[in-house]
Amino acid sequence: MKYIIGIAFLLCAGLAFGTTDYADRCTSDLAVHAVVDGQPASESLVTHDQVSRITTATDGGSGKSMLNIQLDDTGAERMYQHTGDNQGESIVVLCDGEKIWRAAINAPFGERFSVLLPE
C-alpha cells in the first residue's frame, strides 16, 4: 500500500511540475495571433510584454490543466478590439513557439482569458 501511495504522489507531482513548466515557458514567450488561411498570422495581436500575469489551474468540469492569462491595458485593448471585430474567426496562442490553443471567437474579451493546455 505504501508503494501505491508513493507512486500516486509522484504522478501527481509530475503533473503539477508539467503544468508549472507551461506557466514558466509562457510567461517568457507567449503570443496570441489571429488565424489567417488556417495558419497563425505573422504579426502578433498580443505578446508576452503585454501579459501581466499567468497562473495555472485545473478546469473543474474536465479536470484538464489550464492557463489563466491576464493582460495589461494595452494587450487587453488590442484583444478586445480584435475579438469584437472578428467573431466567428479563430485565434491561436503560442507558447515558446508551440501552438498550445486554438479557438473560435464567440464573443469579445480582453483583460482575462483561460486556455486549456494540451495533454
Protein backbone atom coordinates (compact mmCIF):
# COMPACT_ATOMS: atom_id res chain seq x y z
CA MET A 1 0.00 0.00 0.00
CA LYS A 2 2.89 2.38 0.79
CA TYR A 3 4.20 1.87 -2.74
CA ILE A 4 0.87 2.69 -4.34
CA ILE A 5 0.57 5.89 -2.34
CA GLY A 6 4.17 6.82 -3.19
CA ILE A 7 3.63 6.23 -6.91
CA ALA A 8 0.38 8.21 -6.86
CA PHE A 9 2.19 11.10 -5.14
CA LEU A 10 4.97 11.10 -7.73
CA LEU A 11 2.47 11.05 -10.59
CA CYS A 12 0.59 14.00 -9.09
CA ALA A 13 3.84 15.88 -8.50
CA GLY A 14 4.88 15.21 -12.10
CA LEU A 15 1.60 16.62 -13.38
CA ALA A 16 1.97 19.70 -11.22
CA PHE A 17 5.52 20.33 -12.42
CA GLY A 18 4.44 19.85 -16.04
CA THR A 19 1.72 22.47 -15.64
CA THR A 20 4.11 24.85 -13.89
CA ASP A 21 6.52 24.40 -16.78
CA TYR A 22 3.89 25.80 -19.17
CA ALA A 23 3.37 28.81 -16.92
CA ASP A 24 7.12 29.47 -16.79
CA ARG A 25 7.62 29.00 -20.54
CA CYS A 26 4.57 31.08 -21.45
CA THR A 27 5.48 33.94 -19.13
CA SER A 28 8.71 34.47 -21.04
CA ASP A 29 7.35 33.78 -24.54
CA LEU A 30 3.60 33.96 -25.12
CA ALA A 31 1.91 35.36 -28.19
CA VAL A 32 -1.68 35.50 -29.42
CA HIS A 33 -2.23 35.56 -33.18
CA ALA A 34 -5.18 35.82 -35.49
CA VAL A 35 -5.62 32.82 -37.77
CA VAL A 36 -5.33 33.55 -41.50
CA ASP A 37 -5.85 30.78 -44.05
CA GLY A 38 -5.57 28.19 -41.29
CA GLN A 39 -2.20 29.47 -40.02
CA PRO A 40 -1.17 31.97 -37.31
CA ALA A 41 -0.82 35.45 -38.78
CA SER A 42 2.74 36.71 -38.96
CA GLU A 43 2.04 39.66 -36.63
CA SER A 44 1.02 39.04 -33.02
CA LEU A 45 -2.13 40.54 -31.53
CA VAL A 46 -0.59 40.25 -28.07
CA THR A 47 2.98 39.48 -26.98
CA HIS A 48 4.46 38.39 -23.65
CA ASP A 49 5.30 42.06 -22.97
CA GLN A 50 1.55 42.71 -22.67
CA VAL A 51 0.91 39.83 -20.26
CA SER A 52 0.71 40.99 -16.67
CA ARG A 53 0.10 37.59 -15.05
CA ILE A 54 -0.14 33.88 -15.86
CA THR A 55 -1.38 31.31 -13.38
CA THR A 56 -2.21 27.63 -13.70
CA ALA A 57 -5.39 25.90 -12.57
CA THR A 58 -7.47 22.81 -13.18
CA ASP A 59 -10.73 23.05 -15.07
CA GLY A 60 -13.40 21.78 -12.70
CA GLY A 61 -15.53 20.19 -15.40
CA SER A 62 -12.90 18.34 -17.40
CA GLY A 63 -10.09 18.05 -14.86
CA LYS A 64 -7.65 19.34 -17.50
CA SER A 65 -4.89 21.83 -16.76
CA MET A 66 -5.31 25.37 -17.99
CA LEU A 67 -3.53 28.69 -18.05
CA ASN A 68 -5.26 31.82 -16.79
CA ILE A 69 -3.85 34.78 -18.67
CA GLN A 70 -4.23 38.40 -17.58
CA LEU A 71 -3.24 41.17 -19.98
CA ASP A 72 -2.09 44.70 -19.27
CA ASP A 73 -4.18 47.63 -20.52
CA THR A 74 -2.55 47.70 -23.97
CA GLY A 75 -2.92 43.95 -24.52
CA ALA A 76 -6.49 43.95 -23.19
CA GLU A 77 -7.49 46.77 -25.52
CA ARG A 78 -5.94 45.07 -28.56
CA MET A 79 -7.55 41.72 -27.69
CA TYR A 80 -10.96 43.26 -27.02
CA GLN A 81 -10.86 45.20 -30.30
CA HIS A 82 -9.83 42.14 -32.31
CA THR A 83 -12.31 39.73 -30.71
CA GLY A 84 -15.11 42.28 -31.05
CA ASP A 85 -14.40 42.81 -34.75
CA ASN A 86 -13.75 39.16 -35.65
CA GLN A 87 -16.43 37.00 -34.06
CA GLY A 88 -16.60 33.62 -35.78
CA GLU A 89 -12.93 33.81 -36.73
CA SER A 90 -10.15 31.99 -34.81
CA ILE A 91 -7.19 32.93 -32.67
CA VAL A 92 -4.23 30.84 -31.62
CA VAL A 93 -1.99 31.05 -28.55
CA LEU A 94 1.68 30.23 -29.00
CA CYS A 95 3.86 29.45 -26.01
CA ASP A 96 7.59 29.26 -26.55
CA GLY A 97 6.84 28.92 -30.28
CA GLU A 98 4.50 25.94 -29.72
CA LYS A 99 0.80 26.20 -30.60
CA ILE A 100 -0.99 25.32 -27.35
CA TRP A 101 -4.54 26.53 -28.01
CA ARG A 102 -6.79 27.48 -30.89
CA ALA A 103 -10.37 28.61 -30.58
CA ALA A 104 -13.17 30.33 -32.43
CA ILE A 105 -14.09 33.78 -31.14
CA ASN A 106 -17.66 33.62 -29.82
CA ALA A 107 -17.77 36.97 -28.02
CA PRO A 108 -15.47 39.91 -27.33
CA PHE A 109 -12.98 39.52 -24.48
CA GLY A 110 -9.87 41.29 -23.40
CA GLU A 111 -8.31 41.57 -19.98
CA ARG A 112 -8.55 37.92 -18.87
CA PHE A 113 -8.97 34.56 -20.55
CA SER A 114 -8.14 30.93 -19.94
CA VAL A 115 -6.77 28.28 -22.27
CA LEU A 116 -6.87 24.51 -21.82
CA LEU A 117 -3.40 23.03 -22.09
CA PRO A 118 -2.57 20.18 -24.43
CA GLU A 119 -2.15 16.82 -22.78
